[in-house]
PDB file of N, CA and C in Angstrom:
ATOM      1  N   MET A   1      12.896 -20.666  -0.939  1.00  0.00           N
ATOM      2  CA  MET A   1      13.618 -20.374   0.216  1.00  0.00           C
ATOM      3  C   MET A   1      13.058 -20.702   1.473  1.00  0.00           C
ATOM      4  N   LEU A   2      13.759 -21.305   2.443  1.00  0.00           N
ATOM      5  CA  LEU A   2      13.373 -21.549   3.728  1.00  0.00           C
ATOM      6  C   LEU A   2      13.483 -20.464   4.664  1.00  0.00           C
ATOM      7  N   MET A   3      12.518 -19.921   5.461  1.00  0.00           N
ATOM      8  CA  MET A   3      12.592 -18.771   6.299  1.00  0.00           C
ATOM      9  C   MET A   3      12.829 -19.318   7.686  1.00  0.00           C
ATOM     10  N   ALA A   4      13.620 -18.851   8.675  1.00  0.00           N
ATOM     11  CA  ALA A   4      13.765 -19.090   9.998  1.00  0.00           C
ATOM     12  C   ALA A   4      12.197 -18.858  10.665  1.00  0.00           C
ATOM     13  N   ARG A   5      12.006 -19.778  11.574  1.00  0.00           N
ATOM     14  CA  ARG A   5      10.787 -19.730  12.078  1.00  0.00           C
ATOM     15  C   ARG A   5      10.995 -19.714  13.896  1.00  0.00           C
ATOM     16  N   LYS A   6       9.907 -18.873  14.262  1.00  0.00           N
ATOM     17  CA  LYS A   6      10.113 -18.863  15.626  1.00  0.00           C
ATOM     18  C   LYS A   6       8.832 -19.533  16.476  1.00  0.00           C
ATOM     19  N   GLN A   7       9.185 -20.234  17.259  1.00  0.00           N
ATOM     20  CA  GLN A   7       7.962 -20.955  18.076  1.00  0.00           C
ATOM     21  C   GLN A   7       7.171 -19.875  18.995  1.00  0.00           C
ATOM     22  N   VAL A   8       5.879 -19.922  18.888  1.00  0.00           N
ATOM     23  CA  VAL A   8       5.043 -19.109  19.805  1.00  0.00           C
ATOM     24  C   VAL A   8       4.106 -19.846  20.518  1.00  0.00           C
ATOM     25  N   LEU A   9       4.040 -19.530  21.814  1.00  0.00           N
ATOM     26  CA  LEU A   9       2.964 -20.100  22.634  1.00  0.00           C
ATOM     27  C   LEU A   9       1.690 -19.363  22.451  1.00  0.00           C
ATOM     28  N   VAL A  10       0.610 -20.179  22.007  1.00  0.00           N
ATOM     29  CA  VAL A  10      -0.615 -19.632  22.082  1.00  0.00           C
ATOM     30  C   VAL A  10      -1.701 -20.467  22.767  1.00  0.00           C
ATOM     31  N   GLN A  11      -2.679 -19.739  23.401  1.00  0.00           N
ATOM     32  CA  GLN A  11      -3.525 -20.490  24.305  1.00  0.00           C
ATOM     33  C   GLN A  11      -4.923 -20.483  23.508  1.00  0.00           C
ATOM     34  N   LEU A  12      -5.331 -21.671  23.224  1.00  0.00           N
ATOM     35  CA  LEU A  12      -6.733 -21.800  22.615  1.00  0.00           C
ATOM     36  C   LEU A  12      -7.468 -22.829  23.531  1.00  0.00           C
ATOM     37  N   ASP A  13      -8.843 -22.688  23.385  1.00  0.00           N
ATOM     38  CA  ASP A  13      -9.764 -23.481  24.082  1.00  0.00           C
ATOM     39  C   ASP A  13      -9.883 -25.017  23.329  1.00  0.00           C
ATOM     40  N   ASP A  14     -10.236 -25.905  24.021  1.00  0.00           N
ATOM     41  CA  ASP A  14     -10.455 -27.204  23.410  1.00  0.00           C
ATOM     42  C   ASP A  14     -11.205 -27.346  22.125  1.00  0.00           C
ATOM     43  N   ASP A  15     -12.310 -26.711  22.191  1.00  0.00           N
ATOM     44  CA  ASP A  15     -13.127 -26.679  21.026  1.00  0.00           C
ATOM     45  C   ASP A  15     -12.400 -26.108  19.678  1.00  0.00           C
ATOM     46  N   LEU A  16     -11.710 -24.967  19.765  1.00  0.00           N
ATOM     47  CA  LEU A  16     -11.142 -24.439  18.775  1.00  0.00           C
ATOM     48  C   LEU A  16      -9.990 -25.194  18.239  1.00  0.00           C
ATOM     49  N   VAL A  17      -9.274 -25.879  19.247  1.00  0.00           N
ATOM     50  CA  VAL A  17      -8.200 -26.913  18.869  1.00  0.00           C
ATOM     51  C   VAL A  17      -8.919 -28.066  17.827  1.00  0.00           C
ATOM     52  N   ALA A  18      -9.909 -28.460  18.582  1.00  0.00           N
ATOM     53  CA  ALA A  18     -10.536 -29.738  17.770  1.00  0.00           C
ATOM     54  C   ALA A  18     -10.948 -29.190  16.401  1.00  0.00           C
ATOM     55  N   ARG A  19     -11.598 -28.010  16.189  1.00  0.00           N
ATOM     56  CA  ARG A  19     -11.802 -27.586  15.004  1.00  0.00           C
ATOM     57  C   ARG A  19     -10.808 -27.341  14.029  1.00  0.00           C
ATOM     58  N   LEU A  20      -9.658 -26.874  14.480  1.00  0.00           N
ATOM     59  CA  LEU A  20      -8.557 -26.573  13.682  1.00  0.00           C
ATOM     60  C   LEU A  20      -8.001 -28.116  13.338  1.00  0.00           C
ATOM     61  N   ASP A  21      -8.133 -28.933  14.217  1.00  0.00           N
ATOM     62  CA  ASP A  21      -7.315 -30.240  13.788  1.00  0.00           C
ATOM     63  C   ASP A  21      -8.112 -30.921  12.756  1.00  0.00           C
ATOM     64  N   GLU A  22      -9.541 -30.697  12.779  1.00  0.00           N
ATOM     65  CA  GLU A  22     -10.426 -31.317  11.723  1.00  0.00           C
ATOM     66  C   GLU A  22     -10.159 -30.676  10.367  1.00  0.00           C
ATOM     67  N   VAL A  23      -9.927 -29.359  10.310  1.00  0.00           N
ATOM     68  CA  VAL A  23      -9.512 -28.734   9.127  1.00  0.00           C
ATOM     69  C   VAL A  23      -8.013 -29.096   8.650  1.00  0.00           C
ATOM     70  N   ALA A  24      -7.183 -29.289   9.538  1.00  0.00           N
ATOM     71  CA  ALA A  24      -5.613 -29.697   9.312  1.00  0.00           C
ATOM     72  C   ALA A  24      -5.880 -31.032   8.680  1.00  0.00           C
ATOM     73  N   GLU A  25      -6.529 -32.198   9.399  1.00  0.00           N
ATOM     74  CA  GLU A  25      -6.740 -33.448   8.700  1.00  0.00           C
ATOM     75  C   GLU A  25      -7.323 -33.476   7.349  1.00  0.00           C
ATOM     76  N   ARG A  26      -8.426 -32.603   7.008  1.00  0.00           N
ATOM     77  CA  ARG A  26      -8.961 -32.506   5.994  1.00  0.00           C
ATOM     78  C   ARG A  26      -8.097 -32.185   4.846  1.00  0.00           C
ATOM     79  N   ARG A  27      -7.238 -31.212   4.991  1.00  0.00           N
ATOM     80  CA  ARG A  27      -6.309 -30.583   4.194  1.00  0.00           C
ATOM     81  C   ARG A  27      -5.081 -31.335   4.026  1.00  0.00           C
ATOM     82  N   GLY A  28      -4.637 -32.259   5.060  1.00  0.00           N
ATOM     83  CA  GLY A  28      -3.518 -32.941   5.082  1.00  0.00           C
ATOM     84  C   GLY A  28      -2.275 -32.195   5.417  1.00  0.00           C
ATOM     85  N   VAL A  29      -2.538 -31.202   6.327  1.00  0.00           N
ATOM     86  CA  VAL A  29      -1.332 -30.447   6.918  1.00  0.00           C
ATOM     87  C   VAL A  29      -1.339 -30.361   8.399  1.00  0.00           C
ATOM     88  N   SER A  30      -0.583 -29.778   9.019  1.00  0.00           N
ATOM     89  CA  SER A  30      -0.391 -29.849  10.426  1.00  0.00           C
ATOM     90  C   SER A  30      -1.089 -28.704  10.980  1.00  0.00           C
ATOM     91  N   ARG A  31      -1.446 -28.725  12.181  1.00  0.00           N
ATOM     92  CA  ARG A  31      -2.240 -27.706  13.013  1.00  0.00           C
ATOM     93  C   ARG A  31      -1.339 -26.374  12.859  1.00  0.00           C
ATOM     94  N   SER A  32      -0.147 -26.398  13.013  1.00  0.00           N
ATOM     95  CA  SER A  32       0.889 -25.390  12.838  1.00  0.00           C
ATOM     96  C   SER A  32       0.563 -24.694  11.545  1.00  0.00           C
ATOM     97  N   GLU A  33       0.636 -25.467  10.423  1.00  0.00           N
ATOM     98  CA  GLU A  33       0.417 -24.901   9.149  1.00  0.00           C
ATOM     99  C   GLU A  33      -0.983 -24.048   8.973  1.00  0.00           C
ATOM    100  N   ILE A  34      -1.973 -24.809   9.408  1.00  0.00           N
ATOM    101  CA  ILE A  34      -3.282 -24.090   9.553  1.00  0.00           C
ATOM    102  C   ILE A  34      -3.267 -22.681  10.404  1.00  0.00           C
ATOM    103  N   LEU A  35      -2.617 -22.811  11.274  1.00  0.00           N
ATOM    104  CA  LEU A  35      -2.537 -21.357  12.136  1.00  0.00           C
ATOM    105  C   LEU A  35      -1.558 -20.362  11.347  1.00  0.00           C
ATOM    106  N   ARG A  36      -0.606 -20.875  10.527  1.00  0.00           N
ATOM    107  CA  ARG A  36       0.316 -20.005   9.757  1.00  0.00           C
ATOM    108  C   ARG A  36      -0.646 -19.325   8.815  1.00  0.00           C
ATOM    109  N   ARG A  37      -1.413 -20.378   7.966  1.00  0.00           N
ATOM    110  CA  ARG A  37      -2.233 -19.712   7.047  1.00  0.00           C
ATOM    111  C   ARG A  37      -3.135 -18.734   7.356  1.00  0.00           C
ATOM    112  N   GLY A  38      -3.911 -19.108   8.662  1.00  0.00           N
ATOM    113  CA  GLY A  38      -4.732 -18.115   9.284  1.00  0.00           C
ATOM    114  C   GLY A  38      -4.161 -16.760   9.577  1.00  0.00           C
ATOM    115  N   ALA A  39      -2.839 -16.863  10.048  1.00  0.00           N
ATOM    116  CA  ALA A  39      -2.339 -15.520  10.552  1.00  0.00           C
ATOM    117  C   ALA A  39      -2.018 -14.783   9.321  1.00  0.00           C
ATOM    118  N   LEU A  40      -1.537 -15.470   8.150  1.00  0.00           N
ATOM    119  CA  LEU A  40      -1.288 -14.867   6.827  1.00  0.00           C
ATOM    120  C   LEU A  40      -2.583 -14.212   6.358  1.00  0.00           C
ATOM    121  N   ALA A  41      -3.632 -14.965   6.287  1.00  0.00           N
ATOM    122  CA  ALA A  41      -4.773 -14.432   5.720  1.00  0.00           C
ATOM    123  C   ALA A  41      -5.307 -13.327   6.479  1.00  0.00           C
ATOM    124  N   LEU A  42      -5.208 -13.148   8.052  1.00  0.00           N
ATOM    125  CA  LEU A  42      -5.606 -12.091   8.740  1.00  0.00           C
ATOM    126  C   LEU A  42      -4.680 -10.903   8.233  1.00  0.00           C
ATOM    127  N   LEU A  43      -3.338 -10.979   8.139  1.00  0.00           N
ATOM    128  CA  LEU A  43      -2.520  -9.971   7.812  1.00  0.00           C
ATOM    129  C   LEU A  43      -2.791  -9.325   6.391  1.00  0.00           C
ATOM    130  N   GLU A  44      -2.940 -10.354   5.515  1.00  0.00           N
ATOM    131  CA  GLU A  44      -3.513  -9.821   4.068  1.00  0.00           C
ATOM    132  C   GLU A  44      -4.642  -9.026   4.144  1.00  0.00           C
ATOM    133  N   ALA A  45      -5.529  -9.496   4.872  1.00  0.00           N
ATOM    134  CA  ALA A  45      -7.050  -8.777   4.989  1.00  0.00           C
ATOM    135  C   ALA A  45      -6.613  -7.376   5.502  1.00  0.00           C
ATOM    136  N   GLU A  46      -5.980  -7.275   6.599  1.00  0.00           N
ATOM    137  CA  GLU A  46      -5.636  -6.104   7.228  1.00  0.00           C
ATOM    138  C   GLU A  46      -5.043  -5.090   6.183  1.00  0.00           C
ATOM    139  N   GLU A  47      -3.973  -5.648   5.404  1.00  0.00           N
ATOM    140  CA  GLU A  47      -3.357  -4.825   4.383  1.00  0.00           C
ATOM    141  C   GLU A  47      -4.277  -4.278   3.429  1.00  0.00           C
ATOM    142  N   LEU A  48      -5.260  -5.055   2.894  1.00  0.00           N
ATOM    143  CA  LEU A  48      -6.212  -4.793   2.047  1.00  0.00           C
ATOM    144  C   LEU A  48      -7.245  -3.785   2.610  1.00  0.00           C
ATOM    145  N   ARG A  49      -7.624  -3.886   3.909  1.00  0.00           N
ATOM    146  CA  ARG A  49      -8.358  -3.046   4.530  1.00  0.00           C
ATOM    147  C   ARG A  49      -7.923  -1.570   4.459  1.00  0.00           C
ATOM    148  N   ALA A  50      -6.344  -1.505   4.970  1.00  0.00           N
ATOM    149  CA  ALA A  50      -5.770  -0.217   5.150  1.00  0.00           C
ATOM    150  C   ALA A  50      -5.607   0.409   3.850  1.00  0.00           C
ATOM    151  N   ALA A  51      -5.261  -0.420   2.858  1.00  0.00           N
ATOM    152  CA  ALA A  51      -5.154   0.199   1.458  1.00  0.00           C
ATOM    153  C   ALA A  51      -6.434   0.742   1.005  1.00  0.00           C
ATOM    154  N   ASP A  52      -7.665   0.015   1.198  1.00  0.00           N
ATOM    155  CA  ASP A  52      -8.896   0.573   0.835  1.00  0.00           C
ATOM    156  C   ASP A  52      -9.354   1.850   1.617  1.00  0.00           C
ATOM    157  N   GLU A  53      -9.038   1.863   2.843  1.00  0.00           N
ATOM    158  CA  GLU A  53      -9.171   3.003   3.720  1.00  0.00           C
ATOM    159  C   GLU A  53      -8.463   4.211   3.085  1.00  0.00           C
ATOM    160  N   ALA A  54      -7.071   4.086   2.707  1.00  0.00           N
ATOM    161  CA  ALA A  54      -6.397   5.111   2.235  1.00  0.00           C
ATOM    162  C   ALA A  54      -6.740   5.616   0.893  1.00  0.00           C
ATOM    163  N   LEU A  55      -7.228   4.629   0.161  1.00  0.00           N
ATOM    164  CA  LEU A  55      -8.030   5.022  -1.308  1.00  0.00           C
ATOM    165  C   LEU A  55      -9.100   5.792  -0.977  1.00  0.00           C
ATOM    166  N   GLN A  56     -10.121   5.370  -0.097  1.00  0.00           N
ATOM    167  CA  GLN A  56     -11.259   6.198   0.105  1.00  0.00           C
ATOM    168  C   GLN A  56     -10.893   7.586   0.711  1.00  0.00           C
ATOM    169  N   GLU A  57      -9.808   7.756   1.623  1.00  0.00           N
ATOM    170  CA  GLU A  57      -9.612   8.905   2.064  1.00  0.00           C
ATOM    171  C   GLU A  57      -8.913   9.883   0.862  1.00  0.00           C
ATOM    172  N   ALA A  58      -8.136   9.312   0.173  1.00  0.00           N
ATOM    173  CA  ALA A  58      -7.652  10.043  -1.069  1.00  0.00           C
ATOM    174  C   ALA A  58      -8.854  10.710  -1.748  1.00  0.00           C
ATOM    175  N   TYR A  59      -9.879   9.911  -2.137  1.00  0.00           N
ATOM    176  CA  TYR A  59     -11.155  10.382  -2.782  1.00  0.00           C
ATOM    177  C   TYR A  59     -11.653  11.594  -2.115  1.00  0.00           C
ATOM    178  N   ARG A  60     -11.951  11.408  -0.798  1.00  0.00           N
ATOM    179  CA  ARG A  60     -12.422  12.414   0.025  1.00  0.00           C
ATOM    180  C   ARG A  60     -11.699  13.654  -0.136  1.00  0.00           C
ATOM    181  N   ARG A  61     -10.441  13.565  -0.085  1.00  0.00           N
ATOM    182  CA  ARG A  61      -9.558  14.826  -0.359  1.00  0.00           C
ATOM    183  C   ARG A  61      -9.570  15.329  -1.725  1.00  0.00           C
ATOM    184  N   VAL A  62      -9.724  14.460  -2.698  1.00  0.00           N
ATOM    185  CA  VAL A  62      -9.648  15.093  -4.033  1.00  0.00           C
ATOM    186  C   VAL A  62     -10.719  14.094  -4.717  1.00  0.00           C
ATOM    187  N   PRO A  63     -12.010  14.711  -4.662  1.00  0.00           N
ATOM    188  CA  PRO A  63     -12.878  13.707  -5.427  1.00  0.00           C
ATOM    189  C   PRO A  63     -12.768  13.809  -6.950  1.00  0.00           C
ATOM    190  N   GLN A  64     -13.237  12.719  -7.634  1.00  0.00           N
ATOM    191  CA  GLN A  64     -13.082  12.528  -9.070  1.00  0.00           C
ATOM    192  C   GLN A  64     -13.775  13.583  -9.749  1.00  0.00           C
ATOM    193  N   ASP A  65     -13.275  14.026 -10.732  1.00  0.00           N
ATOM    194  CA  ASP A  65     -14.129  15.032 -11.690  1.00  0.00           C
ATOM    195  C   ASP A  65     -15.203  14.314 -12.160  1.00  0.00           C
ATOM    196  N   PRO A  66     -16.457  14.994 -12.180  1.00  0.00           N
ATOM    197  CA  PRO A  66     -17.651  14.273 -12.618  1.00  0.00           C
ATOM    198  C   PRO A  66     -17.642  13.905 -14.136  1.00  0.00           C
ATOM    199  N   ALA A  67     -16.969  14.729 -14.851  1.00  0.00           N
ATOM    200  CA  ALA A  67     -16.723  14.431 -16.325  1.00  0.00           C
ATOM    201  C   ALA A  67     -16.069  13.201 -16.563  1.00  0.00           C
ATOM    202  N   ILE A  68     -14.980  12.829 -15.814  1.00  0.00           N
ATOM    203  CA  ILE A  68     -14.172  11.483 -16.023  1.00  0.00           C
ATOM    204  C   ILE A  68     -15.146  10.413 -15.645  1.00  0.00           C
ATOM    205  N   VAL A  69     -15.908  10.568 -14.490  1.00  0.00           N
ATOM    206  CA  VAL A  69     -16.792   9.484 -14.033  1.00  0.00           C
ATOM    207  C   VAL A  69     -17.903   9.248 -15.043  1.00  0.00           C
ATOM    208  N   ALA A  70     -18.431  10.238 -15.503  1.00  0.00           N
ATOM    209  CA  ALA A  70     -19.349  10.160 -16.619  1.00  0.00           C
ATOM    210  C   ALA A  70     -18.982   9.328 -18.068  1.00  0.00           C
ATOM    211  N   ALA A  71     -17.589   9.924 -18.356  1.00  0.00           N
ATOM    212  CA  ALA A  71     -17.073   9.123 -19.559  1.00  0.00           C
ATOM    213  C   ALA A  71     -16.668   7.469 -19.242  1.00  0.00           C
ATOM    214  N   ALA A  72     -16.303   7.383 -18.007  1.00  0.00           N
ATOM    215  CA  ALA A  72     -16.051   6.020 -17.662  1.00  0.00           C
ATOM    216  C   ALA A  72     -17.240   5.124 -17.575  1.00  0.00           C
ATOM    217  N   ALA A  73     -18.378   5.850 -17.240  1.00  0.00           N
ATOM    218  CA  ALA A  73     -19.622   5.117 -17.247  1.00  0.00           C
ATOM    219  C   ALA A  73     -20.005   4.760 -18.675  1.00  0.00           C
ATOM    220  N   ARG A  74     -19.905   5.689 -19.508  1.00  0.00           N
ATOM    221  CA  ARG A  74     -20.197   5.399 -20.996  1.00  0.00           C
ATOM    222  C   ARG A  74     -19.190   4.299 -21.569  1.00  0.00           C
ATOM    223  N   LEU A  75     -17.943   4.596 -21.299  1.00  0.00           N
ATOM    224  CA  LEU A  75     -17.332   3.631 -21.848  1.00  0.00           C
ATOM    225  C   LEU A  75     -17.375   2.208 -21.327  1.00  0.00           C
ATOM    226  N   ALA A  76     -17.783   2.066 -20.123  1.00  0.00           N
ATOM    227  CA  ALA A  76     -18.157   0.748 -19.462  1.00  0.00           C
ATOM    228  C   ALA A  76     -19.320   0.048 -20.071  1.00  0.00           C
ATOM    229  N   ALA A  77     -20.323   1.086 -20.218  1.00  0.00           N
ATOM    230  CA  ALA A  77     -21.574   0.552 -20.896  1.00  0.00           C
ATOM    231  C   ALA A  77     -21.495  -0.110 -22.201  1.00  0.00           C
ATOM    232  N   ARG A  78     -20.568   0.580 -23.153  1.00  0.00           N
ATOM    233  CA  ARG A  78     -20.293   0.073 -24.502  1.00  0.00           C
ATOM    234  C   ARG A  78     -19.495  -1.313 -24.555  1.00  0.00           C
ATOM    235  N   THR A  79     -18.407  -1.413 -23.514  1.00  0.00           N
ATOM    236  CA  THR A  79     -17.482  -2.535 -23.545  1.00  0.00           C
ATOM    237  C   THR A  79     -17.834  -3.580 -22.538  1.00  0.00           C
ATOM    238  N   ALA A  80     -18.860  -3.479 -21.669  1.00  0.00           N
ATOM    239  CA  ALA A  80     -19.292  -4.516 -20.688  1.00  0.00           C
ATOM    240  C   ALA A  80     -19.791  -5.746 -21.510  1.00  0.00           C
ATOM    241  N   PRO A  81     -19.292  -6.884 -20.931  1.00  0.00           N
ATOM    242  CA  PRO A  81     -19.862  -8.201 -21.656  1.00  0.00           C
ATOM    243  C   PRO A  81     -21.283  -8.321 -21.355  1.00  0.00           C
ATOM    244  N   GLU A  82     -22.155  -8.842 -22.276  1.00  0.00           N
ATOM    245  CA  GLU A  82     -23.486  -9.283 -22.259  1.00  0.00           C
ATOM    246  C   GLU A  82     -23.725 -10.638 -21.672  1.00  0.00           C
ATOM    247  N   TRP A  83     -24.092 -10.601 -20.358  1.00  0.00           N
ATOM    248  CA  TRP A  83     -24.299 -11.919 -19.775  1.00  0.00           C
ATOM    249  C   TRP A  83     -25.544 -12.407 -20.060  1.00  0.00           C
TER     250      TRP A  83
END
């Protein structure tokens, strides 16, 4: 599915442009594609950070039952692969 795109003006210094162009050339894509991928990676990282923060806050509000933690640790010890 092709999504509509909007052109956005971004100001970058010469060194950053050169580095982006090197990566784009190595990967065989355009500078715009590299910037799109970078923007998506940043957004995904932010979503993961926010989800992690929400999970930590939930555990602060309602800590895990120590008995459940101990049972999980015992189960993990029995089922963990031997490296």
